[in-house]
Protein backbone atom coordinates (compact mmCIF):
# COMPACT_ATOMS: atom_id res chain seq x y z
CA UNK A 1 6.09 -0.39 -7.81
CA UNK A 2 6.20 -4.15 -7.69
CA UNK A 3 2.62 -4.57 -6.54
CA UNK A 4 1.34 -2.15 -9.28
CA UNK A 5 3.47 -4.08 -11.86
CA UNK A 6 1.94 -7.37 -10.96
CA UNK A 7 -1.58 -5.96 -10.91
CA UNK A 8 -1.05 -4.38 -14.39
CA UNK A 9 0.27 -7.52 -15.90
CA UNK A 10 -2.18 -9.87 -14.34
CA UNK A 11 -5.29 -8.44 -15.99
CA UNK A 12 -5.23 -10.39 -19.22
CA UNK A 13 -8.44 -12.27 -19.95
CA UNK A 14 -10.57 -10.77 -17.32
CA UNK A 15 -14.32 -10.98 -17.96
CA UNK A 16 -15.64 -7.45 -18.07
CA UNK A 17 -19.13 -6.96 -16.67
CA UNK A 18 -19.00 -3.32 -17.45
CA UNK A 19 -16.76 -0.30 -17.65
CA UNK A 20 -16.36 2.86 -15.55
CA UNK A 21 -18.83 4.53 -17.78
CA UNK A 22 -21.60 2.54 -16.06
CA UNK A 23 -24.02 4.72 -14.30
CA UNK A 24 -24.85 4.56 -10.65
CA UNK A 25 -27.51 2.42 -9.04
CA UNK A 26 -31.03 1.91 -10.15
CA UNK A 27 -34.08 0.80 -8.23
CA UNK A 28 -35.17 1.75 -4.86
CA UNK A 29 -33.65 5.20 -4.55
CA UNK A 30 -32.71 6.71 -1.14
CA UNK A 31 -35.65 5.04 0.50
CA UNK A 32 -34.57 1.72 -0.97
CA UNK A 33 -38.06 0.22 -0.42
CA UNK A 34 -38.16 -1.65 -3.74
CA UNK A 35 -35.65 -3.78 -5.65
CA UNK A 36 -32.25 -2.11 -5.73
CA UNK A 37 -29.26 -2.66 -8.06
CA UNK A 38 -25.90 -1.35 -6.98
CA UNK A 39 -22.62 -1.43 -8.92
CA UNK A 40 -19.27 -2.36 -7.46
CA UNK A 41 -16.05 -1.48 -9.09
CA UNK A 42 -12.87 -3.66 -8.94
CA UNK A 43 -9.98 -2.48 -11.09
CA UNK A 44 -7.60 -5.30 -10.30
CA UNK A 45 -8.13 -8.81 -11.56
CA UNK A 46 -7.24 -10.74 -8.35
CA UNK A 47 -9.76 -8.72 -6.41
CA UNK A 48 -12.46 -9.00 -9.07
CA UNK A 49 -12.07 -12.79 -9.28
CA UNK A 50 -12.56 -13.47 -5.57
CA UNK A 51 -15.34 -10.85 -5.16
CA UNK A 52 -17.27 -12.19 -8.06
CA UNK A 53 -17.91 -15.47 -6.25
CA UNK A 54 -19.00 -13.71 -3.03
CA UNK A 55 -21.68 -11.40 -4.46
CA UNK A 56 -24.37 -14.13 -4.66
CA UNK A 57 -23.92 -14.82 -1.04
CA UNK A 58 -24.45 -11.15 -0.17
CA UNK A 59 -27.59 -11.09 -2.17
CA UNK A 60 -28.85 -14.11 -0.30
CA UNK A 61 -27.99 -12.46 3.02
CA UNK A 62 -29.98 -9.39 2.03
CA UNK A 63 -32.90 -11.60 0.94
CA UNK A 64 -33.07 -13.12 4.37
CA UNK A 65 -33.48 -9.56 5.75
CA UNK A 66 -36.37 -9.07 3.33
CA UNK A 67 -34.37 -6.77 1.06
CA UNK A 68 -34.00 -7.46 -2.67
CA UNK A 69 -30.56 -6.13 -3.61
CA UNK A 70 -28.68 -7.03 -6.67
CA UNK A 71 -24.94 -6.34 -7.29
CA UNK A 72 -23.40 -5.77 -10.60
CA UNK A 73 -19.64 -6.24 -10.66
CA UNK A 74 -17.83 -3.63 -12.78
CA UNK A 75 -14.49 -5.27 -13.56
CA UNK A 76 -12.23 -2.85 -15.33
CA UNK A 77 -8.54 -3.78 -15.32
CA UNK A 78 -6.41 -0.72 -14.87
CA UNK A 79 -3.03 0.35 -13.46
CA UNK A 80 -3.17 2.55 -10.35
CA UNK A 81 -2.54 5.72 -12.41
CA UNK A 82 -5.17 4.80 -15.02
CA UNK A 83 -7.69 4.09 -12.29
CA UNK A 84 -7.05 7.43 -10.53
CA UNK A 85 -7.52 9.42 -13.73
CA UNK A 86 -10.60 7.52 -14.92
CA UNK A 87 -12.50 7.32 -11.62
CA UNK A 88 -11.92 11.07 -10.95
CA UNK A 89 -13.54 11.76 -14.35
CA UNK A 90 -16.46 9.49 -13.76
CA UNK A 91 -17.12 10.77 -10.26
CA UNK A 92 -17.10 14.29 -11.62
CA UNK A 93 -19.51 13.51 -14.36
CA UNK A 94 -21.78 11.53 -12.12
CA UNK A 95 -21.46 8.21 -13.81
CA UNK A 96 -19.24 6.29 -11.28
CA UNK A 97 -20.41 3.08 -9.68
CA UNK A 98 -21.95 3.02 -6.16
CA UNK A 99 -19.15 1.16 -4.38
CA UNK A 100 -15.49 1.64 -5.39
CA UNK A 101 -12.61 -0.45 -4.09
CA UNK A 102 -9.46 1.65 -3.98
CA UNK A 103 -6.18 2.17 -2.27
CA UNK A 104 -6.07 4.43 0.70
CA UNK A 105 -3.85 6.96 -0.95
CA UNK A 106 -6.68 7.79 -3.38
CA UNK A 107 -9.32 8.48 -0.73
CA UNK A 108 -7.96 11.77 0.56
CA UNK A 109 -8.18 13.77 -2.64
CA UNK A 110 -11.52 12.28 -3.76
CA UNK A 111 -13.11 12.80 -0.29
CA UNK A 112 -11.80 16.40 -0.15
CA UNK A 113 -13.44 17.03 -3.54
CA UNK A 114 -16.79 15.89 -2.17
CA UNK A 115 -17.02 12.76 -4.30
CA UNK A 116 -17.19 10.19 -1.45
CA UNK A 117 -19.82 9.58 1.05
CA UNK A 118 -18.92 10.28 4.67
CA UNK A 119 -19.38 7.08 6.62
CA UNK A 120 -19.12 8.12 10.21
CA UNK A 121 -22.82 7.68 11.10
CA UNK A 122 -22.84 4.20 9.53
CA UNK A 123 -19.65 3.15 11.28
CA UNK A 124 -20.80 4.47 14.66
CA UNK A 125 -23.81 2.11 14.45
CA UNK A 126 -21.82 -0.91 13.21
CA UNK A 127 -20.60 -3.35 15.87
CA UNK A 128 -17.99 -4.55 13.39
CA UNK A 129 -16.11 -1.24 13.53
CA UNK A 130 -15.09 -2.09 17.11
CA UNK A 131 -13.11 -5.10 15.82
CA UNK A 132 -10.71 -2.88 13.79
CA UNK A 133 -7.22 -2.22 15.00
CA UNK A 134 -6.66 1.32 15.89
CA UNK A 135 -3.71 1.48 13.53
CA UNK A 136 -6.19 0.60 10.67
CA UNK A 137 -8.64 3.16 11.80
CA UNK A 138 -5.89 5.82 12.10
CA UNK A 139 -4.82 5.05 8.51
CA UNK A 140 -8.38 5.42 7.24
CA UNK A 141 -9.18 8.60 9.12
CA UNK A 142 -9.00 11.65 6.80
CA UNK A 143 -7.62 15.12 7.64
CA UNK A 144 -11.08 16.35 8.54
CA UNK A 145 -11.32 13.57 11.20
CA UNK A 146 -14.00 11.64 9.31
CA UNK A 147 -14.03 8.28 7.48
CA UNK A 148 -14.77 7.88 3.81
CA UNK A 149 -13.70 4.23 3.42
CA UNK A 150 -14.07 0.94 5.18
CA UNK A 151 -10.59 -0.65 5.10
CA UNK A 152 -10.81 -4.29 4.16
CA UNK A 153 -7.15 -5.06 4.30
CA UNK A 154 -3.79 -3.83 5.67
CA UNK A 155 -0.20 -4.37 4.76
CA UNK A 156 3.02 -4.25 6.68
CA UNK A 157 6.30 -3.07 5.06
CA UNK A 158 9.63 -4.60 6.26
CA UNK A 159 13.00 -5.65 4.85
CA UNK A 160 12.63 -9.11 3.33
CA UNK A 161 15.84 -11.20 3.29
CA UNK A 162 16.99 -14.54 1.96
CA UNK A 163 17.58 -16.71 4.96
CA UNK A 164 19.09 -19.43 2.92
CA UNK A 165 21.64 -17.20 1.16
CA UNK A 166 22.80 -15.30 4.13
CA UNK A 167 23.27 -18.52 6.18
CA UNK A 168 25.27 -20.07 3.27
CA UNK A 169 27.44 -16.89 3.26
CA UNK A 170 27.91 -17.02 6.95
CA UNK A 171 26.19 -13.68 7.53
CA UNK A 172 24.16 -13.00 10.65
CA UNK A 173 20.33 -13.16 10.04
CA UNK A 174 19.20 -11.76 13.45
CA UNK A 175 17.19 -8.53 13.55
CA UNK A 176 19.70 -5.67 12.96
CA UNK A 177 19.32 -3.03 15.58
CA UNK A 178 20.75 -0.13 13.51
CA UNK A 179 21.34 0.72 9.91
CA UNK A 180 25.12 0.70 10.61
CA UNK A 181 24.89 -2.86 11.87
CA UNK A 182 22.89 -3.83 8.66
CA UNK A 183 25.34 -2.02 6.47
CA UNK A 184 28.23 -4.02 8.00
CA UNK A 185 26.51 -7.27 7.06
CA UNK A 186 25.71 -5.92 3.57
CA UNK A 187 29.39 -5.28 3.04
CA UNK A 188 30.12 -8.75 4.06
CA UNK A 189 27.80 -10.00 1.34
CA UNK A 190 29.24 -7.78 -1.29
CA UNK A 191 32.78 -8.87 -0.40
CA UNK A 192 31.79 -12.53 -0.93
CA UNK A 193 29.52 -12.10 -4.01
CA UNK A 194 30.68 -8.94 -5.78
CA UNK A 195 26.96 -7.98 -6.18
CA UNK A 196 24.96 -5.05 -4.64
CA UNK A 197 23.05 -6.91 -1.91
CA UNK A 198 20.04 -4.66 -1.22
CA UNK A 199 17.28 -2.91 -3.17
CA UNK A 200 15.35 0.00 -1.81
CA UNK A 201 13.23 1.90 -4.46
CA UNK A 202 14.94 5.17 -5.48
CA UNK A 203 14.96 7.44 -8.41
CA UNK A 204 12.44 8.45 -10.98
CA UNK A 205 12.09 5.08 -12.88
CA UNK A 206 10.37 3.48 -9.95
CA UNK A 207 7.80 6.31 -9.87
CA UNK A 208 5.59 6.44 -6.83
CA UNK A 209 7.25 3.23 -5.44
CA UNK A 210 10.32 5.40 -4.55
CA UNK A 211 8.06 7.27 -2.23
CA UNK A 212 5.77 4.74 -0.84
CA UNK A 213 8.00 1.65 -0.70
CA UNK A 214 11.42 3.31 -0.45
CA UNK A 215 11.81 6.65 1.13
CA UNK A 216 8.70 7.09 3.27
CA UNK A 217 9.11 3.89 5.37
CA UNK A 218 12.68 4.91 6.23
CA UNK A 219 11.79 8.46 7.00
CA UNK A 220 8.72 7.41 9.11
CA UNK A 221 10.84 5.83 11.76
CA UNK A 222 13.31 8.72 12.35
CA UNK A 223 11.07 10.47 14.88
CA UNK A 224 11.01 13.72 12.86
CA UNK A 225 7.79 15.30 11.91
CA UNK A 226 7.26 15.26 8.21
CA UNK A 227 3.58 16.18 7.82
CA UNK A 228 1.65 18.00 10.58
CA UNK A 229 -2.01 17.02 10.33
CA UNK A 230 -3.19 19.90 12.61
CA UNK A 231 -1.76 22.62 10.45
CA UNK A 232 -1.89 20.54 7.24
CA UNK A 233 1.65 21.51 6.34
CA UNK A 234 4.79 19.72 5.40
CA UNK A 235 8.09 20.16 7.22
CA UNK A 236 10.71 19.98 4.53
CA UNK A 237 13.86 20.19 6.64
CA UNK A 238 14.57 17.99 9.58
CA UNK A 239 17.12 15.61 11.21
CA UNK A 240 15.11 12.70 9.86
CA UNK A 241 15.00 13.90 6.32
CA UNK A 242 18.80 14.57 6.32
CA UNK A 243 19.39 11.14 7.77
CA UNK A 244 17.18 9.46 5.17
CA UNK A 245 18.87 11.05 2.20
CA UNK A 246 22.22 10.41 3.94
CA UNK A 247 21.40 6.70 4.08
CA UNK A 248 20.77 6.58 0.35
CA UNK A 249 24.01 8.45 -0.22
CA UNK A 250 25.98 5.88 1.93
CA UNK A 251 24.40 2.89 0.31
CA UNK A 252 25.25 4.29 -3.07
CA UNK A 253 28.76 5.23 -2.19
CA UNK A 254 29.50 1.83 -0.57
CA UNK A 255 28.19 0.08 -3.73
CA UNK A 256 25.30 -1.59 -1.89
CA UNK A 257 22.49 -0.45 -4.07
CA UNK A 258 22.07 -1.70 -7.66
CA UNK A 259 22.38 1.77 -9.17
CA UNK A 260 22.22 0.81 -12.77
CA UNK A 261 19.17 -1.28 -12.28
CA UNK A 262 17.38 1.52 -10.46
CA UNK A 263 18.19 3.93 -13.22
CA UNK A 264 16.87 1.70 -15.97
CA UNK A 265 13.07 1.30 -16.99
CA UNK A 266 11.05 -1.13 -14.84
CA UNK A 267 13.70 -1.30 -12.04
CA UNK A 268 11.70 -3.93 -10.22
CA UNK A 269 12.23 -6.45 -12.95
CA UNK A 270 15.97 -7.10 -12.56
CA UNK A 271 15.97 -6.63 -8.84
CA UNK A 272 12.83 -8.01 -7.13
CA UNK A 273 11.81 -10.24 -9.97
CA UNK A 274 15.17 -11.64 -11.01
CA UNK A 275 18.05 -11.12 -8.58
CA UNK A 276 16.14 -11.64 -5.33
CA UNK A 277 14.55 -14.88 -6.50
CA UNK A 278 17.96 -16.04 -7.72
CA UNK A 279 19.54 -15.24 -4.45
CA UNK A 280 22.02 -12.69 -5.96
CA UNK A 281 20.43 -9.76 -4.20
CA UNK A 282 19.38 -11.05 -0.76
CA UNK A 283 17.71 -8.03 0.93
CA UNK A 284 14.71 -6.11 -0.55
CA UNK A 285 12.38 -3.34 0.97
CA UNK A 286 8.99 -4.97 0.48
CA UNK A 287 5.41 -5.14 1.73
CA UNK A 288 3.49 -8.11 3.03
CA UNK A 289 1.84 -8.44 -0.37
CA UNK A 290 5.17 -9.82 -1.60
CA UNK A 291 4.38 -13.22 -0.15
CA UNK A 292 1.68 -13.64 -2.79
CA UNK A 293 2.10 -11.18 -5.55
CA UNK A 294 5.84 -11.19 -5.97
CA UNK A 295 7.27 -14.47 -4.71
CA UNK A 296 4.37 -16.76 -3.98
CA UNK A 297 3.49 -19.72 -6.21
CA UNK A 298 1.31 -17.58 -8.51
CA UNK A 299 3.33 -14.42 -8.14
CA UNK A 300 5.49 -12.53 -10.65
CA UNK A 301 8.69 -14.39 -9.70
CA UNK A 302 7.90 -17.51 -7.62
CA UNK A 303 10.46 -18.68 -5.11
CA UNK A 304 10.00 -22.35 -4.32
CA UNK A 305 9.46 -22.98 -0.61
CA UNK A 306 9.36 -19.20 -0.17
CA UNK A 307 8.51 -19.34 3.57
CA UNK A 308 11.53 -21.51 4.29
CA UNK A 309 13.90 -19.33 2.29
CA UNK A 310 12.63 -15.83 3.03
CA UNK A 311 12.36 -13.94 6.30
CA UNK A 312 11.61 -10.41 7.33
CA UNK A 313 13.39 -7.83 9.44
CA UNK A 314 11.91 -4.63 10.93
CA UNK A 315 13.47 -1.52 9.59
CA UNK A 316 16.69 -0.85 11.72
CA UNK A 317 16.97 2.42 13.66
CA UNK A 318 18.53 5.16 11.59
CA UNK A 319 18.50 8.06 14.12
CA UNK A 320 19.91 7.77 17.66
CA UNK A 321 17.16 7.15 20.24
CA UNK A 322 14.87 5.29 17.88
CA UNK A 323 14.23 1.52 17.66
CA UNK A 324 13.55 -1.01 14.93
CA UNK A 325 10.10 -0.84 13.57
CA UNK A 326 7.71 -2.08 10.83
CA UNK A 327 5.52 0.21 8.81
CA UNK A 328 1.80 0.15 8.37
CA UNK A 329 1.40 0.53 4.70
CA UNK A 330 -2.40 0.69 4.64
CA UNK A 331 -4.34 -1.11 1.95
CA UNK A 332 -7.47 -1.07 0.01
CA UNK A 333 -10.90 0.04 1.32
CA UNK A 334 -14.44 0.24 0.08
CA UNK A 335 -15.74 3.74 -0.57
CA UNK A 336 -19.27 4.81 -1.60
CA UNK A 337 -20.15 7.28 -4.28
CA UNK A 338 -21.47 10.41 -2.58
CA UNK A 339 -24.16 10.57 -5.17
CA UNK A 340 -25.23 6.97 -5.08
CA UNK A 341 -29.06 6.55 -5.35
CA UNK A 342 -28.88 3.70 -2.81
CA UNK A 343 -26.31 4.66 -0.25
CA UNK A 344 -27.65 2.38 2.54
CA UNK A 345 -27.50 -0.73 0.31
CA UNK A 346 -23.97 0.39 -0.91
CA UNK A 347 -22.76 0.66 2.67
CA UNK A 348 -24.26 -2.69 3.52
CA UNK A 349 -22.25 -4.31 0.74
CA UNK A 350 -19.03 -2.64 1.86
CA UNK A 351 -19.56 -3.82 5.43
CA UNK A 352 -20.48 -7.35 4.42
CA UNK A 353 -17.41 -7.77 2.24
CA UNK A 354 -15.28 -6.51 5.13
CA UNK A 355 -16.51 -9.16 7.51
CA UNK A 356 -16.04 -12.79 8.37
CA UNK A 357 -15.55 -15.49 5.73
CA UNK A 358 -16.08 -13.01 2.89
CA UNK A 359 -13.07 -10.98 4.14
CA UNK A 360 -11.03 -14.06 4.95
CA UNK A 361 -11.37 -15.30 1.29
CA UNK A 362 -10.24 -11.91 -0.04
CA UNK A 363 -7.27 -11.57 2.26
CA UNK A 364 -6.01 -15.13 1.33
CA UNK A 365 -6.45 -14.44 -2.38
CA UNK A 366 -4.56 -11.13 -2.57
CA UNK A 367 -2.13 -11.70 0.27
CA UNK A 368 -3.22 -8.98 2.51
CA UNK A 369 -3.34 -8.63 6.31
CA UNK A 370 -6.45 -8.42 8.31
CA UNK A 371 -7.25 -4.86 9.51
CA UNK A 372 -9.47 -6.29 12.31
CA UNK A 373 -9.00 -8.63 15.25
CA UNK A 374 -11.49 -11.35 14.58
CA UNK A 375 -10.15 -12.91 11.35
CA UNK A 376 -7.21 -15.03 12.65
CA UNK A 377 -9.41 -18.11 13.17
CA UNK A 378 -11.36 -17.96 9.89
CA UNK A 379 -10.38 -20.03 6.88
CA UNK A 380 -8.72 -19.61 4.45
CA UNK A 381 -6.95 -16.64 6.16
CA UNK A 382 -6.12 -18.68 9.22
CA UNK A 383 -4.03 -20.99 7.02
CA UNK A 384 -1.60 -18.17 5.92
CA UNK A 385 1.19 -18.05 8.52
CA UNK A 386 3.07 -15.24 6.72
CA UNK A 387 0.01 -13.01 6.82
CA UNK A 388 -0.66 -13.84 10.44
CA UNK A 389 2.84 -12.93 11.44
CA UNK A 390 2.46 -9.65 9.57
CA UNK A 391 -0.85 -9.00 11.34
CA UNK A 392 1.00 -9.32 14.72
CA UNK A 393 3.46 -6.64 13.59
CA UNK A 394 0.53 -4.37 12.50
CA UNK A 395 -0.48 -3.85 16.02
CA UNK A 396 2.81 -1.89 16.82
CA UNK A 397 3.71 -0.65 13.36
CA UNK A 398 4.34 2.98 12.53
CA UNK A 399 1.87 4.87 10.36
CA UNK A 400 3.75 6.94 7.82
CA UNK A 401 2.70 10.60 7.49
CA UNK A 402 0.49 11.38 4.52
CA UNK A 403 -1.51 14.41 3.68
CA UNK A 404 -2.63 16.88 1.03
CA UNK A 405 0.33 17.39 -1.39
CA UNK A 406 1.80 13.83 -1.00
CA UNK A 407 2.03 13.51 -4.80
CA UNK A 408 4.07 16.69 -5.01
CA UNK A 409 6.37 15.64 -2.19
CA UNK A 410 6.75 12.17 -3.82
CA UNK A 411 7.83 13.90 -7.07
CA UNK A 412 10.54 15.84 -5.20
CA UNK A 413 11.75 12.71 -3.40
CA UNK A 414 12.01 10.89 -6.69
CA UNK A 415 14.13 13.69 -8.22
CA UNK A 416 16.36 14.09 -5.19
CA UNK A 417 17.10 10.33 -4.87
CA UNK A 418 17.79 10.25 -8.51
CA UNK A 419 20.55 12.81 -7.98
CA UNK A 420 22.03 10.61 -5.39
CA UNK A 421 21.96 7.56 -7.74
CA UNK A 422 23.74 9.51 -10.50
CA UNK A 423 26.39 11.03 -8.14
CA UNK A 424 25.22 14.55 -8.85
CA UNK A 425 24.41 15.11 -5.17
CA UNK A 426 25.50 13.83 -1.78
CA UNK A 427 23.02 13.35 1.03
CA UNK A 428 23.04 16.98 2.25
CA UNK A 429 22.77 18.32 -1.33
CA UNK A 430 19.90 15.97 -2.10
CA UNK A 431 18.07 17.07 1.14
CA UNK A 432 18.45 20.70 0.12
CA UNK A 433 17.37 20.08 -3.43
CA UNK A 434 14.38 18.16 -2.20
CA UNK A 435 13.28 20.89 0.16
CA UNK A 436 13.52 23.51 -2.69
CA UNK A 437 11.66 21.56 -5.26
CA UNK A 438 8.99 20.31 -2.79
CA UNK A 439 8.26 23.94 -1.63
CA UNK A 440 7.91 25.00 -5.31
CA UNK A 441 5.51 22.20 -6.04
CA UNK A 442 3.46 22.52 -2.84
CA UNK A 443 3.21 26.25 -2.67
CA UNK A 444 4.10 28.19 0.47
CA UNK A 445 0.74 27.76 2.09
CA UNK A 446 1.37 24.03 2.55
CA UNK A 447 4.87 24.31 3.93
CA UNK A 448 5.78 24.78 7.58
CA UNK A 449 8.26 27.57 8.38
């Protein structure tokens, strides 16, 4: 995925305070009456850089309350997959830090395994929890109905487009109501440029991005049930699934997707990092993090005057009876090691970093959207118009279905969309192959009849 790619390449030169082998907190213990030291893990450089400057302020805030709390930043630059493997090992061995900053997709498995502290009692007593958007709370709520993370950011997925390019080509830039309407515009672009005009992650080379940034946002707006939280089972055949695979098929057959780029290693490089910035590929499925990490001044592929040249569309309706929509893509949250010796201090740190100016600085630094209502007037976040616009969309965005077995379903999606790219399967065949492989990977007990 583009976001993972940037995080992975942006870690050179980071000052390491420790590694994941660092043990949990020392000091005051559960009572936390004496001096307490807690460890905070950040595995991405941009996050570690901004948090490092905030921690002395937290320590001062605790001192004003008569509590001596010291925070040690554990900065360990890793890709998402490396982090997932390593933190699981450390939690299992009892050597993980007290507070762990992680993406929401990692929380479910680690919470289910008993590694993360249940935060319900803390959140019920925290007035800051009332400020969170319901969509952010819904995204953080786990299958058992409880919370194991405090979300400190959100993101919105949309279709980003080059306003300047489409206007120059005489192509309508208004919000497309349906995919058919958008496809007509994409054909106009291709007729004038000879280039595939849209990139949506697909196939195996993009890895998990095919699922999270490509397939799932489209499927989420079809109105079909994909994962039923009550039964904890996946529905592998539906109108929405057929329509989503059918859309990929149509885009490939009409020459609108850059098939060769999607089949090669690191498919984000020639598409999002080269052709979109150059204006040769004017539409890209992307999240709000793209304003910073991909195309901002310090991003992987900066676009000069990006806010003037780039706009966003909601996803068009794919299935009759649905409407255009944006997607709540979740974000990072602070979790607490279930075996922390100082859980109260650890939770205090997570809450403090998710509040006020401390949160505003993090959001502006990483290009994330506020998950709570009271940040829009706080600098430097208030000076980020693209993020404020994305936050407005967050209020009505769709939350994609996620549940136990998502990794297996993702693998099946990658394989089925790869078949479409190669021409080995049409939309119906890909949908059937997906259902078969996903059922084999999930096992019958996690599949709805």
